[in-house]
Amino acid sequence: IGGVTNFSNNATTLWDISTGKEIRQIDGMGGKLSFSPDGRYILGNTGGFSRGTLKLWDVQTNSVVRELKYNSGRISPDGKYIVAWGVEVKGLLIPDVKFSVSLFDVATGSEIWRESTECSDAVFSPDGQQLLIASNQKKNMGADLITSFKLLDSATGRQMKEFGRTTTPGGVFAIDFVYHEIKALAF
């Protein structure tokens, strides 16, 4: 199975790779897609890349199995876990912004651990034992951008090491930091 997101209508189309025939379209799912290794599940976002809710979709039954209040996520190489990350904003006049990364059990939907950290992408190691996350930290519009990579233990969420830390000078009108944000990772 393969899938492509159409951002104009926020829908994902699934194809049978061997025949090239369309299997179905999943309306309201898009963003970065993640498939389980057996092809049974697909994970996507209801609001595109950066907003909305994550949905775990059962391809066989054509139904939603889980919804997670995160912006992005990936399914582990063994298909047993989901790493999810995003931002939660509460309050209108004085917003309270919280960034976090969590690990969930696919079978039960239970949260195994949560780490408070900014994350723009996360990826499992091929054996699923570690998580590599991209961290983009900016305290406000005028602050410096601090980027780094963090290696976490998948089972506990404990940070094993941080590397590649760089600081890009900020400023209210500085857009240079956009070119220094980490947007994608791969092992």
N, C-alpha and C. Protein backbone atom coordinates (compact mmCIF):
# COMPACT_ATOMS: atom_id res chain seq x y z
N ILE A 1 0.85 -1.18 0.00
CA ILE A 1 0.00 0.00 0.00
C ILE A 1 0.89 1.23 0.00
N GLY A 2 0.48 2.24 -0.72
CA GLY A 2 1.14 3.53 -0.72
C GLY A 2 0.10 4.61 -0.54
N GLY A 3 0.50 5.79 -0.08
CA GLY A 3 -0.46 6.86 0.14
C GLY A 3 0.12 8.21 -0.18
N VAL A 4 -0.74 9.12 -0.63
CA VAL A 4 -0.36 10.48 -0.94
C VAL A 4 -1.44 11.40 -0.39
N THR A 5 -1.02 12.54 0.19
CA THR A 5 -1.96 13.52 0.72
C THR A 5 -2.19 14.62 -0.29
N ASN A 6 -3.45 14.98 -0.50
CA ASN A 6 -3.82 16.13 -1.33
C ASN A 6 -4.19 17.24 -0.36
N PHE A 7 -3.39 18.33 -0.33
CA PHE A 7 -3.60 19.37 0.66
C PHE A 7 -4.76 20.29 0.34
N SER A 8 -5.23 20.33 -0.91
CA SER A 8 -6.34 21.21 -1.23
C SER A 8 -7.64 20.75 -0.58
N ASN A 9 -7.79 19.44 -0.39
CA ASN A 9 -9.00 18.95 0.28
C ASN A 9 -8.68 18.11 1.51
N ASN A 10 -7.42 18.11 1.94
CA ASN A 10 -6.97 17.35 3.11
C ASN A 10 -7.50 15.93 3.09
N ALA A 11 -7.15 15.21 2.05
CA ALA A 11 -7.54 13.81 1.92
C ALA A 11 -6.31 12.99 1.55
N THR A 12 -6.30 11.75 1.94
CA THR A 12 -5.23 10.83 1.61
C THR A 12 -5.78 9.74 0.71
N THR A 13 -5.10 9.50 -0.39
CA THR A 13 -5.49 8.45 -1.32
C THR A 13 -4.54 7.27 -1.14
N LEU A 14 -5.10 6.07 -1.00
CA LEU A 14 -4.31 4.86 -0.86
C LEU A 14 -4.34 4.08 -2.17
N TRP A 15 -3.16 3.58 -2.58
CA TRP A 15 -3.04 2.78 -3.79
C TRP A 15 -2.43 1.43 -3.48
N ASP A 16 -2.80 0.45 -4.28
CA ASP A 16 -2.14 -0.85 -4.26
C ASP A 16 -0.91 -0.68 -5.14
N ILE A 17 0.26 -0.73 -4.54
CA ILE A 17 1.51 -0.47 -5.26
C ILE A 17 1.74 -1.49 -6.37
N SER A 18 1.35 -2.75 -6.16
CA SER A 18 1.61 -3.77 -7.17
C SER A 18 0.75 -3.60 -8.43
N THR A 19 -0.48 -3.07 -8.28
CA THR A 19 -1.36 -2.91 -9.45
C THR A 19 -1.49 -1.46 -9.90
N GLY A 20 -1.17 -0.53 -9.01
CA GLY A 20 -1.33 0.88 -9.34
C GLY A 20 -2.76 1.36 -9.23
N LYS A 21 -3.65 0.52 -8.71
CA LYS A 21 -5.07 0.87 -8.59
C LYS A 21 -5.35 1.53 -7.24
N GLU A 22 -6.24 2.50 -7.30
CA GLU A 22 -6.66 3.19 -6.08
C GLU A 22 -7.48 2.25 -5.22
N ILE A 23 -7.14 2.21 -3.93
CA ILE A 23 -7.89 1.38 -2.97
C ILE A 23 -9.03 2.18 -2.38
N ARG A 24 -8.71 3.36 -1.85
CA ARG A 24 -9.73 4.23 -1.27
C ARG A 24 -9.13 5.59 -0.96
N GLN A 25 -10.02 6.51 -0.65
CA GLN A 25 -9.61 7.84 -0.21
C GLN A 25 -10.08 8.02 1.22
N ILE A 26 -9.21 8.57 2.06
CA ILE A 26 -9.56 8.84 3.45
C ILE A 26 -9.69 10.35 3.58
N ASP A 27 -10.92 10.83 3.69
CA ASP A 27 -11.17 12.26 3.82
C ASP A 27 -10.80 12.74 5.21
N GLY A 28 -10.25 13.96 5.28
CA GLY A 28 -9.92 14.56 6.57
C GLY A 28 -8.65 14.04 7.19
N MET A 29 -7.79 13.37 6.41
CA MET A 29 -6.51 12.89 6.93
C MET A 29 -5.40 13.34 6.00
N GLY A 30 -4.34 13.91 6.58
CA GLY A 30 -3.23 14.35 5.76
C GLY A 30 -1.96 14.51 6.56
N GLY A 31 -1.13 15.45 6.14
CA GLY A 31 0.14 15.71 6.82
C GLY A 31 1.15 14.62 6.53
N LYS A 32 2.10 14.48 7.45
CA LYS A 32 3.10 13.42 7.34
C LYS A 32 2.42 12.10 7.66
N LEU A 33 2.47 11.16 6.74
CA LEU A 33 1.81 9.87 6.93
C LEU A 33 2.81 8.84 7.43
N SER A 34 2.32 7.91 8.24
CA SER A 34 3.15 6.82 8.73
C SER A 34 2.33 5.53 8.65
N PHE A 35 2.92 4.51 8.03
CA PHE A 35 2.27 3.20 7.92
C PHE A 35 2.85 2.23 8.92
N SER A 36 2.02 1.32 9.42
CA SER A 36 2.53 0.22 10.23
C SER A 36 3.26 -0.73 9.28
N PRO A 37 4.24 -1.50 9.78
CA PRO A 37 5.02 -2.37 8.90
C PRO A 37 4.18 -3.42 8.16
N ASP A 38 3.07 -3.83 8.75
CA ASP A 38 2.22 -4.83 8.10
C ASP A 38 1.19 -4.19 7.16
N GLY A 39 1.16 -2.86 7.07
CA GLY A 39 0.25 -2.16 6.17
C GLY A 39 -1.18 -2.06 6.69
N ARG A 40 -1.42 -2.52 7.90
CA ARG A 40 -2.78 -2.51 8.45
C ARG A 40 -3.22 -1.11 8.87
N TYR A 41 -2.30 -0.32 9.44
CA TYR A 41 -2.65 0.99 9.96
C TYR A 41 -1.93 2.10 9.20
N ILE A 42 -2.58 3.26 9.18
CA ILE A 42 -1.96 4.48 8.68
C ILE A 42 -2.24 5.56 9.71
N LEU A 43 -1.22 6.38 9.98
CA LEU A 43 -1.34 7.46 10.95
C LEU A 43 -1.21 8.78 10.20
N GLY A 44 -2.15 9.69 10.40
CA GLY A 44 -2.12 10.99 9.73
C GLY A 44 -2.85 12.02 10.58
N ASN A 45 -2.81 13.26 10.12
CA ASN A 45 -3.35 14.38 10.86
C ASN A 45 -4.65 14.88 10.22
N THR A 46 -5.62 15.26 11.04
CA THR A 46 -6.90 15.73 10.53
C THR A 46 -6.84 17.14 10.00
N GLY A 47 -5.79 17.89 10.35
CA GLY A 47 -5.70 19.29 9.94
C GLY A 47 -4.54 19.60 9.03
N GLY A 48 -3.95 18.61 8.41
CA GLY A 48 -2.79 18.84 7.56
C GLY A 48 -1.51 18.66 8.33
N PHE A 49 -0.49 19.51 8.05
CA PHE A 49 0.83 19.32 8.65
C PHE A 49 0.91 19.69 10.11
N SER A 50 0.35 20.82 10.53
CA SER A 50 0.71 21.33 11.85
C SER A 50 -0.45 21.59 12.80
N ARG A 51 -1.67 21.27 12.41
CA ARG A 51 -2.77 21.46 13.35
C ARG A 51 -3.66 20.22 13.30
N GLY A 52 -4.61 20.19 14.18
CA GLY A 52 -5.55 19.08 14.15
C GLY A 52 -5.20 18.00 15.14
N THR A 53 -5.72 16.81 14.86
CA THR A 53 -5.58 15.66 15.72
C THR A 53 -5.03 14.50 14.91
N LEU A 54 -4.18 13.69 15.54
CA LEU A 54 -3.68 12.49 14.87
C LEU A 54 -4.75 11.42 14.89
N LYS A 55 -4.89 10.73 13.77
CA LYS A 55 -5.82 9.60 13.69
C LYS A 55 -5.05 8.36 13.26
N LEU A 56 -5.29 7.27 13.97
CA LEU A 56 -4.78 5.97 13.57
C LEU A 56 -5.93 5.26 12.86
N TRP A 57 -5.74 4.99 11.57
CA TRP A 57 -6.78 4.47 10.71
C TRP A 57 -6.49 3.01 10.39
N ASP A 58 -7.50 2.13 10.56
CA ASP A 58 -7.38 0.74 10.17
C ASP A 58 -7.75 0.64 8.70
N VAL A 59 -6.78 0.30 7.86
CA VAL A 59 -6.99 0.26 6.42
C VAL A 59 -7.96 -0.86 6.03
N GLN A 60 -7.92 -1.99 6.73
CA GLN A 60 -8.79 -3.13 6.41
C GLN A 60 -10.26 -2.86 6.70
N THR A 61 -10.53 -2.24 7.85
CA THR A 61 -11.93 -1.99 8.24
C THR A 61 -12.41 -0.60 7.83
N ASN A 62 -11.49 0.23 7.32
CA ASN A 62 -11.81 1.59 6.89
C ASN A 62 -12.41 2.40 8.04
N SER A 63 -11.75 2.32 9.21
CA SER A 63 -12.28 3.02 10.39
C SER A 63 -11.15 3.57 11.26
N VAL A 64 -11.50 4.56 12.07
CA VAL A 64 -10.55 5.17 13.01
C VAL A 64 -10.44 4.28 14.24
N VAL A 65 -9.20 3.94 14.61
CA VAL A 65 -8.93 3.12 15.78
C VAL A 65 -8.64 3.99 16.99
N ARG A 66 -7.85 5.05 16.79
CA ARG A 66 -7.45 5.95 17.87
C ARG A 66 -7.36 7.38 17.37
N GLU A 67 -7.58 8.31 18.28
CA GLU A 67 -7.33 9.73 18.03
C GLU A 67 -6.44 10.23 19.15
N LEU A 68 -5.40 10.96 18.77
CA LEU A 68 -4.45 11.50 19.73
C LEU A 68 -4.38 13.01 19.57
N LYS A 69 -4.36 13.75 20.66
CA LYS A 69 -4.36 15.21 20.63
C LYS A 69 -2.95 15.75 20.37
N TYR A 70 -2.37 15.32 19.27
CA TYR A 70 -1.05 15.77 18.86
C TYR A 70 -1.10 16.17 17.40
N ASN A 71 -0.05 16.89 16.96
CA ASN A 71 0.00 17.38 15.59
C ASN A 71 0.61 16.38 14.61
N SER A 72 1.63 15.66 15.04
CA SER A 72 2.36 14.75 14.15
C SER A 72 2.74 13.48 14.89
N GLY A 73 3.05 12.43 14.14
CA GLY A 73 3.45 11.18 14.77
C GLY A 73 3.97 10.17 13.78
N ARG A 74 4.56 9.10 14.33
CA ARG A 74 5.07 7.98 13.53
C ARG A 74 4.80 6.68 14.26
N ILE A 75 4.61 5.64 13.47
CA ILE A 75 4.44 4.30 14.02
C ILE A 75 5.82 3.64 14.09
N SER A 76 6.07 2.90 15.17
CA SER A 76 7.36 2.24 15.37
C SER A 76 7.59 1.15 14.33
N PRO A 77 8.86 0.75 14.13
CA PRO A 77 9.17 -0.29 13.14
C PRO A 77 8.49 -1.63 13.41
N ASP A 78 8.17 -1.93 14.67
CA ASP A 78 7.47 -3.18 14.97
C ASP A 78 5.94 -3.01 14.99
N GLY A 79 5.47 -1.77 14.80
CA GLY A 79 4.03 -1.51 14.74
C GLY A 79 3.34 -1.47 16.09
N LYS A 80 4.08 -1.54 17.19
CA LYS A 80 3.47 -1.60 18.52
C LYS A 80 3.29 -0.24 19.19
N TYR A 81 4.02 0.78 18.71
CA TYR A 81 4.01 2.07 19.38
C TYR A 81 3.83 3.22 18.40
N ILE A 82 3.38 4.34 18.94
CA ILE A 82 3.30 5.59 18.19
C ILE A 82 4.05 6.64 18.98
N VAL A 83 4.99 7.33 18.33
CA VAL A 83 5.58 8.51 18.93
C VAL A 83 4.79 9.69 18.35
N ALA A 84 4.34 10.58 19.22
CA ALA A 84 3.53 11.73 18.80
C ALA A 84 4.11 12.99 19.41
N TRP A 85 4.06 14.08 18.63
CA TRP A 85 4.59 15.35 19.13
C TRP A 85 3.74 16.50 18.65
N GLY A 86 3.81 17.60 19.40
CA GLY A 86 3.04 18.77 19.00
C GLY A 86 3.03 19.84 20.07
N VAL A 87 2.14 20.79 19.85
CA VAL A 87 2.03 21.94 20.73
C VAL A 87 0.58 22.05 21.19
N GLU A 88 0.41 22.43 22.44
CA GLU A 88 -0.92 22.67 23.00
C GLU A 88 -0.95 24.12 23.47
N VAL A 89 -1.92 24.86 23.01
CA VAL A 89 -2.05 26.27 23.39
C VAL A 89 -3.36 26.45 24.15
N LYS A 90 -3.27 27.00 25.36
CA LYS A 90 -4.45 27.29 26.17
C LYS A 90 -4.47 28.77 26.48
N GLY A 91 -5.64 29.35 26.48
CA GLY A 91 -5.78 30.76 26.80
C GLY A 91 -5.68 31.64 25.57
N LEU A 92 -6.47 32.71 25.53
CA LEU A 92 -6.47 33.60 24.39
C LEU A 92 -5.63 34.86 24.62
N LEU A 93 -5.89 35.57 25.71
CA LEU A 93 -5.17 36.81 25.96
C LEU A 93 -3.72 36.57 26.37
N ILE A 94 -3.52 35.63 27.27
CA ILE A 94 -2.18 35.25 27.69
C ILE A 94 -2.03 33.76 27.40
N PRO A 95 -1.53 33.43 26.20
CA PRO A 95 -1.46 32.02 25.84
C PRO A 95 -0.44 31.24 26.67
N ASP A 96 -0.81 30.03 27.04
CA ASP A 96 0.07 29.10 27.73
C ASP A 96 0.42 28.03 26.70
N VAL A 97 1.65 28.04 26.21
CA VAL A 97 2.08 27.14 25.15
C VAL A 97 2.93 26.03 25.74
N LYS A 98 2.56 24.78 25.45
CA LYS A 98 3.31 23.64 25.95
C LYS A 98 3.63 22.71 24.79
N PHE A 99 4.91 22.34 24.68
CA PHE A 99 5.37 21.41 23.67
C PHE A 99 5.66 20.07 24.35
N SER A 100 5.36 18.98 23.67
CA SER A 100 5.68 17.68 24.25
C SER A 100 5.81 16.60 23.19
N VAL A 101 6.48 15.52 23.60
CA VAL A 101 6.64 14.31 22.81
C VAL A 101 6.16 13.17 23.70
N SER A 102 5.35 12.26 23.15
CA SER A 102 4.84 11.14 23.94
C SER A 102 4.95 9.84 23.17
N LEU A 103 4.99 8.75 23.91
CA LEU A 103 4.96 7.41 23.32
C LEU A 103 3.66 6.74 23.75
N PHE A 104 2.93 6.17 22.79
CA PHE A 104 1.66 5.50 23.04
C PHE A 104 1.73 4.05 22.60
N ASP A 105 0.99 3.21 23.29
CA ASP A 105 0.82 1.81 22.91
C ASP A 105 -0.30 1.74 21.87
N VAL A 106 -0.04 1.17 20.70
CA VAL A 106 -1.03 1.10 19.63
C VAL A 106 -2.25 0.28 20.06
N ALA A 107 -2.01 -0.86 20.72
CA ALA A 107 -3.11 -1.77 21.09
C ALA A 107 -4.08 -1.15 22.08
N THR A 108 -3.56 -0.43 23.08
CA THR A 108 -4.43 0.08 24.15
C THR A 108 -4.68 1.58 24.05
N GLY A 109 -3.82 2.30 23.36
CA GLY A 109 -3.94 3.75 23.29
C GLY A 109 -3.39 4.45 24.51
N SER A 110 -2.82 3.69 25.45
CA SER A 110 -2.32 4.30 26.68
C SER A 110 -0.97 5.00 26.45
N GLU A 111 -0.81 6.12 27.14
CA GLU A 111 0.44 6.87 27.06
C GLU A 111 1.47 6.20 27.96
N ILE A 112 2.63 5.89 27.40
CA ILE A 112 3.69 5.22 28.15
C ILE A 112 4.57 6.25 28.84
N TRP A 113 4.94 7.31 28.13
CA TRP A 113 5.70 8.41 28.72
C TRP A 113 5.44 9.69 27.94
N ARG A 114 5.75 10.81 28.60
CA ARG A 114 5.64 12.14 27.98
C ARG A 114 6.85 12.96 28.40
N GLU A 115 7.44 13.63 27.42
CA GLU A 115 8.61 14.48 27.66
C GLU A 115 8.26 15.89 27.19
N SER A 116 8.45 16.88 28.06
CA SER A 116 8.19 18.27 27.69
C SER A 116 9.39 18.82 26.93
N THR A 117 9.26 18.89 25.62
CA THR A 117 10.32 19.43 24.77
C THR A 117 9.74 19.82 23.42
N GLU A 118 10.33 20.82 22.79
CA GLU A 118 9.90 21.20 21.46
C GLU A 118 10.44 20.18 20.46
N CYS A 119 9.62 19.81 19.50
CA CYS A 119 9.99 18.80 18.53
C CYS A 119 9.36 19.12 17.19
N SER A 120 10.17 19.10 16.13
CA SER A 120 9.62 19.33 14.79
C SER A 120 9.57 18.05 13.98
N ASP A 121 10.27 17.02 14.43
CA ASP A 121 10.20 15.71 13.79
C ASP A 121 10.80 14.69 14.74
N ALA A 122 10.37 13.44 14.60
CA ALA A 122 10.89 12.35 15.41
C ALA A 122 10.90 11.09 14.56
N VAL A 123 11.89 10.25 14.77
CA VAL A 123 12.00 9.02 14.00
C VAL A 123 12.60 7.93 14.89
N PHE A 124 12.06 6.72 14.73
CA PHE A 124 12.58 5.57 15.46
C PHE A 124 13.84 5.06 14.77
N SER A 125 14.76 4.50 15.56
CA SER A 125 15.89 3.77 14.98
C SER A 125 15.32 2.52 14.32
N PRO A 126 16.04 1.90 13.39
CA PRO A 126 15.51 0.71 12.70
C PRO A 126 15.09 -0.42 13.64
N ASP A 127 15.77 -0.56 14.79
CA ASP A 127 15.39 -1.61 15.74
C ASP A 127 14.33 -1.13 16.74
N GLY A 128 13.94 0.15 16.66
CA GLY A 128 12.90 0.69 17.52
C GLY A 128 13.33 1.00 18.93
N GLN A 129 14.60 0.80 19.27
CA GLN A 129 15.08 0.99 20.63
C GLN A 129 15.32 2.45 21.00
N GLN A 130 15.52 3.29 19.97
CA GLN A 130 15.83 4.69 20.23
C GLN A 130 14.95 5.59 19.37
N LEU A 131 14.81 6.82 19.83
CA LEU A 131 14.11 7.85 19.08
C LEU A 131 15.06 9.01 18.86
N LEU A 132 15.09 9.52 17.66
CA LEU A 132 15.85 10.72 17.36
C LEU A 132 14.84 11.83 17.14
N ILE A 133 14.97 12.92 17.89
CA ILE A 133 14.04 14.03 17.70
C ILE A 133 14.80 15.29 17.30
N ALA A 134 14.15 16.11 16.50
CA ALA A 134 14.68 17.40 16.10
C ALA A 134 14.06 18.44 17.01
N SER A 135 14.89 19.24 17.64
CA SER A 135 14.42 20.24 18.58
C SER A 135 14.69 21.63 18.04
N ASN A 136 13.65 22.45 17.92
CA ASN A 136 13.75 23.86 17.53
C ASN A 136 13.18 24.67 18.67
N GLN A 137 14.01 25.36 19.42
CA GLN A 137 13.54 26.11 20.58
C GLN A 137 13.68 27.60 20.34
N LYS A 138 12.57 28.31 20.49
CA LYS A 138 12.56 29.77 20.34
C LYS A 138 11.57 30.30 21.37
N LYS A 139 12.06 31.03 22.35
CA LYS A 139 11.23 31.48 23.46
C LYS A 139 10.19 32.52 23.07
N ASN A 140 10.53 33.39 22.10
CA ASN A 140 9.58 34.41 21.62
C ASN A 140 10.07 34.90 20.26
N MET A 141 9.34 35.81 19.64
CA MET A 141 9.69 36.28 18.30
C MET A 141 11.07 36.95 18.23
N GLY A 142 11.51 37.55 19.31
CA GLY A 142 12.80 38.22 19.30
C GLY A 142 13.96 37.37 19.77
N ALA A 143 13.67 36.17 20.25
CA ALA A 143 14.71 35.33 20.84
C ALA A 143 15.52 34.60 19.77
N ASP A 144 16.67 34.10 20.20
CA ASP A 144 17.50 33.27 19.34
C ASP A 144 16.81 31.92 19.11
N LEU A 145 17.12 31.29 17.98
CA LEU A 145 16.64 29.93 17.70
C LEU A 145 17.74 28.96 18.09
N ILE A 146 17.40 28.00 18.92
CA ILE A 146 18.35 26.97 19.33
C ILE A 146 17.87 25.65 18.74
N THR A 147 18.70 25.05 17.89
CA THR A 147 18.34 23.77 17.28
C THR A 147 19.31 22.70 17.77
N SER A 148 18.81 21.49 17.89
CA SER A 148 19.67 20.36 18.27
C SER A 148 18.96 19.06 17.94
N PHE A 149 19.70 17.98 18.07
CA PHE A 149 19.16 16.64 17.92
C PHE A 149 19.25 15.97 19.27
N LYS A 150 18.19 15.26 19.64
CA LYS A 150 18.19 14.56 20.91
C LYS A 150 17.91 13.08 20.65
N LEU A 151 18.72 12.23 21.26
CA LEU A 151 18.53 10.80 21.16
C LEU A 151 17.90 10.32 22.45
N LEU A 152 16.72 9.70 22.35
CA LEU A 152 15.98 9.23 23.52
C LEU A 152 15.90 7.72 23.54
N ASP A 153 15.81 7.16 24.72
CA ASP A 153 15.51 5.74 24.87
C ASP A 153 14.02 5.58 24.61
N SER A 154 13.63 4.75 23.65
CA SER A 154 12.22 4.61 23.29
C SER A 154 11.36 4.10 24.44
N ALA A 155 11.88 3.19 25.22
CA ALA A 155 11.09 2.58 26.28
C ALA A 155 10.76 3.55 27.42
N THR A 156 11.68 4.47 27.70
CA THR A 156 11.51 5.34 28.87
C THR A 156 11.35 6.82 28.54
N GLY A 157 11.77 7.24 27.35
CA GLY A 157 11.76 8.65 26.99
C GLY A 157 12.94 9.41 27.55
N ARG A 158 13.83 8.71 28.25
CA ARG A 158 15.01 9.34 28.85
C ARG A 158 15.98 9.78 27.77
N GLN A 159 16.46 11.02 27.89
CA GLN A 159 17.43 11.54 26.92
C GLN A 159 18.77 10.86 27.14
N MET A 160 19.30 10.27 26.07
CA MET A 160 20.59 9.59 26.12
C MET A 160 21.72 10.56 25.78
N LYS A 161 21.47 11.43 24.78
CA LYS A 161 22.46 12.45 24.43
C LYS A 161 21.83 13.52 23.58
N GLU A 162 22.48 14.66 23.54
CA GLU A 162 22.07 15.77 22.69
C GLU A 162 23.29 16.18 21.87
N PHE A 163 23.09 16.47 20.60
CA PHE A 163 24.22 16.85 19.75
C PHE A 163 23.75 17.79 18.65
N GLY A 164 24.73 18.37 17.95
CA GLY A 164 24.42 19.28 16.85
C GLY A 164 23.78 20.58 17.28
N ARG A 165 24.01 20.97 18.51
CA ARG A 165 23.36 22.18 19.05
C ARG A 165 23.94 23.43 18.39
N THR A 166 23.05 24.25 17.81
CA THR A 166 23.47 25.51 17.20
C THR A 166 22.50 26.60 17.62
N THR A 167 23.01 27.83 17.62
CA THR A 167 22.20 29.00 17.96
C THR A 167 22.22 29.96 16.78
N THR A 168 21.03 30.36 16.34
CA THR A 168 20.89 31.34 15.27
C THR A 168 20.33 32.60 15.88
N PRO A 169 21.02 33.74 15.72
CA PRO A 169 20.55 34.99 16.33
C PRO A 169 19.13 35.34 15.90
N GLY A 170 18.35 35.80 16.84
CA GLY A 170 16.96 36.17 16.59
C GLY A 170 16.80 37.65 16.39
N GLY A 171 15.57 38.06 16.45
CA GLY A 171 15.21 39.46 16.27
C GLY A 171 13.79 39.50 15.77
N VAL A 172 13.09 40.56 16.07
CA VAL A 172 11.68 40.66 15.69
C VAL A 172 11.48 40.53 14.18
N PHE A 173 12.38 41.12 13.39
CA PHE A 173 12.22 41.10 11.94
C PHE A 173 13.17 40.12 11.25
N ALA A 174 13.92 39.33 12.03
CA ALA A 174 14.85 38.38 11.44
C ALA A 174 14.11 37.14 10.97
N ILE A 175 14.24 36.82 9.69
CA ILE A 175 13.62 35.58 9.19
C ILE A 175 14.68 34.53 8.89
N ASP A 176 15.94 34.84 9.16
CA ASP A 176 17.03 33.92 8.90
C ASP A 176 16.83 32.60 9.64
N PHE A 177 16.19 32.65 10.82
CA PHE A 177 16.01 31.42 11.61
C PHE A 177 15.17 30.39 10.87
N VAL A 178 14.31 30.80 9.94
CA VAL A 178 13.48 29.86 9.18
C VAL A 178 14.36 28.87 8.43
N TYR A 179 15.51 29.33 7.94
CA TYR A 179 16.40 28.47 7.17
C TYR A 179 17.21 27.53 8.03
N HIS A 180 17.15 27.71 9.34
CA HIS A 180 17.93 26.88 10.25
C HIS A 180 17.07 25.91 11.05
N GLU A 181 15.77 25.94 10.89
CA GLU A 181 14.91 25.00 11.59
C GLU A 181 15.08 23.59 11.01
N ILE A 182 15.03 22.61 11.88
CA ILE A 182 15.12 21.20 11.46
C ILE A 182 13.70 20.73 11.17
N LYS A 183 13.44 20.27 9.96
CA LYS A 183 12.09 19.89 9.57
C LYS A 183 11.89 18.40 9.33
N ALA A 184 12.96 17.65 9.08
CA ALA A 184 12.80 16.22 8.78
C ALA A 184 14.02 15.45 9.22
N LEU A 185 13.81 14.21 9.63
CA LEU A 185 14.86 13.32 10.09
C LEU A 185 14.73 11.95 9.45
N ALA A 186 15.84 11.22 9.42
CA ALA A 186 15.82 9.83 8.97
C ALA A 186 16.99 9.11 9.63
N PHE A 187 16.83 7.85 9.94
CA PHE A 187 17.94 7.03 10.45
C PHE A 187 18.57 6.35 9.25
